[in-house]
């Protein structure tokens, strides 16, 4: 369990949802929803994405990628994602870092 920083606009959307319990992703009886992965795979299939490629960690990687693309310093991204070392972050964002490095070199020599 960790604290998560969430944009205000998203918090407003979440706050407007009907509440069945104190949890954001809870069941009607107030317990954690343990079937989120199943729901994600069903949604992926419905929209034409291979369900085998859909997993909950993609959201973590996508968030980290978005933060990096918008200039957030890597130590802040690591803190938000719960990573303690750079190798862990690289497993999620290695290709993007290479692309950004190439673009930075190209821009410096343009």
Protein backbone atom coordinates (compact mmCIF):
# COMPACT_ATOMS: atom_id res chain seq x y z
CA UNK A 1 0.00 0.00 0.00
CA UNK A 2 1.26 3.49 -0.81
CA UNK A 3 -0.08 7.00 -1.09
CA UNK A 4 -0.80 8.06 -4.65
CA UNK A 5 -0.86 11.62 -5.94
CA UNK A 6 -3.87 12.04 -8.23
CA UNK A 7 -4.74 15.05 -10.45
CA UNK A 8 -7.61 17.18 -9.05
CA UNK A 9 -9.71 16.68 -12.18
CA UNK A 10 -9.57 12.91 -11.73
CA UNK A 11 -10.37 13.22 -8.02
CA UNK A 12 -13.43 15.29 -8.93
CA UNK A 13 -14.59 12.58 -11.34
CA UNK A 14 -14.05 9.88 -8.73
CA UNK A 15 -15.87 11.94 -6.09
CA UNK A 16 -18.87 12.25 -8.40
CA UNK A 17 -19.23 8.47 -8.75
CA UNK A 18 -21.87 6.71 -6.67
CA UNK A 19 -20.28 5.31 -3.51
CA UNK A 20 -20.99 1.80 -2.28
CA UNK A 21 -18.13 1.72 0.26
CA UNK A 22 -15.07 3.68 1.47
CA UNK A 23 -12.78 2.12 -1.14
CA UNK A 24 -12.31 3.63 -4.62
CA UNK A 25 -12.34 0.15 -6.15
CA UNK A 26 -14.54 -1.72 -3.74
CA UNK A 27 -17.41 -4.15 -3.92
CA UNK A 28 -20.96 -3.53 -2.73
CA UNK A 29 -20.14 -5.18 0.60
CA UNK A 30 -17.15 -2.87 1.22
CA UNK A 31 -14.36 -5.31 0.38
CA UNK A 32 -11.55 -4.70 -2.15
CA UNK A 33 -12.45 -5.60 -5.73
CA UNK A 34 -10.14 -8.48 -6.53
CA UNK A 35 -11.43 -8.92 -10.06
CA UNK A 36 -9.98 -5.78 -11.66
CA UNK A 37 -7.69 -7.76 -13.95
CA UNK A 38 -10.61 -9.82 -15.23
CA UNK A 39 -12.58 -6.62 -15.89
CA UNK A 40 -9.60 -5.07 -17.70
CA UNK A 41 -9.20 -8.10 -19.95
CA UNK A 42 -12.93 -8.11 -20.74
CA UNK A 43 -12.78 -4.42 -21.64
CA UNK A 44 -9.66 -4.95 -23.77
CA UNK A 45 -11.38 -7.71 -25.72
CA UNK A 46 -14.47 -5.53 -26.17
CA UNK A 47 -12.43 -2.69 -27.72
CA UNK A 48 -10.32 -4.96 -29.92
CA UNK A 49 -7.12 -5.25 -27.89
CA UNK A 50 -5.53 -8.65 -27.29
CA UNK A 51 -6.55 -9.48 -23.70
CA UNK A 52 -3.27 -11.34 -23.18
CA UNK A 53 -1.44 -8.02 -23.55
CA UNK A 54 -3.68 -6.21 -21.06
CA UNK A 55 -2.38 -6.07 -17.52
CA UNK A 56 -2.71 -3.65 -14.62
CA UNK A 57 1.00 -2.75 -14.59
CA UNK A 58 0.57 -1.12 -18.03
CA UNK A 59 -1.13 1.77 -16.21
CA UNK A 60 1.90 2.20 -13.97
CA UNK A 61 4.23 2.22 -16.97
CA UNK A 62 1.95 4.55 -18.93
CA UNK A 63 1.79 7.00 -16.05
CA UNK A 64 5.56 6.98 -15.64
CA UNK A 65 6.03 7.46 -19.39
CA UNK A 66 3.62 10.39 -19.42
CA UNK A 67 5.39 12.06 -16.49
CA UNK A 68 8.76 11.66 -18.22
CA UNK A 69 7.38 13.06 -21.49
CA UNK A 70 6.12 16.12 -19.64
CA UNK A 71 9.48 16.83 -18.03
CA UNK A 72 9.03 15.43 -14.52
CA UNK A 73 12.43 14.70 -12.96
CA UNK A 74 13.28 11.01 -12.74
CA UNK A 75 13.61 10.99 -8.91
CA UNK A 76 10.01 12.26 -8.67
CA UNK A 77 8.80 9.61 -11.12
CA UNK A 78 10.59 6.95 -9.10
CA UNK A 79 8.92 8.15 -5.90
CA UNK A 80 5.46 8.19 -7.47
CA UNK A 81 5.91 4.74 -8.98
CA UNK A 82 7.43 3.23 -5.88
CA UNK A 83 10.71 2.32 -7.58
CA UNK A 84 13.85 2.36 -5.46
CA UNK A 85 16.46 1.94 -8.16
CA UNK A 86 16.99 2.99 -11.76
CA UNK A 87 17.09 -0.59 -13.06
CA UNK A 88 13.49 -1.07 -11.92
CA UNK A 89 12.40 2.04 -13.81
CA UNK A 90 14.28 0.92 -16.92
CA UNK A 91 12.22 -2.27 -17.08
CA UNK A 92 9.17 -0.05 -17.53
CA UNK A 93 10.60 2.80 -19.58
CA UNK A 94 13.88 1.66 -21.18
CA UNK A 95 12.87 2.13 -24.81
CA UNK A 96 11.38 5.54 -24.15
CA UNK A 97 14.58 6.70 -22.46
CA UNK A 98 16.58 5.63 -25.51
CA UNK A 99 14.18 7.50 -27.81
CA UNK A 100 14.37 10.63 -25.66
CA UNK A 101 18.16 10.45 -25.54
CA UNK A 102 18.36 10.13 -29.32
CA UNK A 103 15.96 13.07 -29.77
CA UNK A 104 18.00 15.19 -27.33
CA UNK A 105 21.22 14.43 -29.20
CA UNK A 106 19.59 15.21 -32.55
CA UNK A 107 18.22 18.51 -31.18
CA UNK A 108 21.61 19.49 -29.75
CA UNK A 109 23.31 19.02 -33.13
CA UNK A 110 20.55 20.43 -35.33
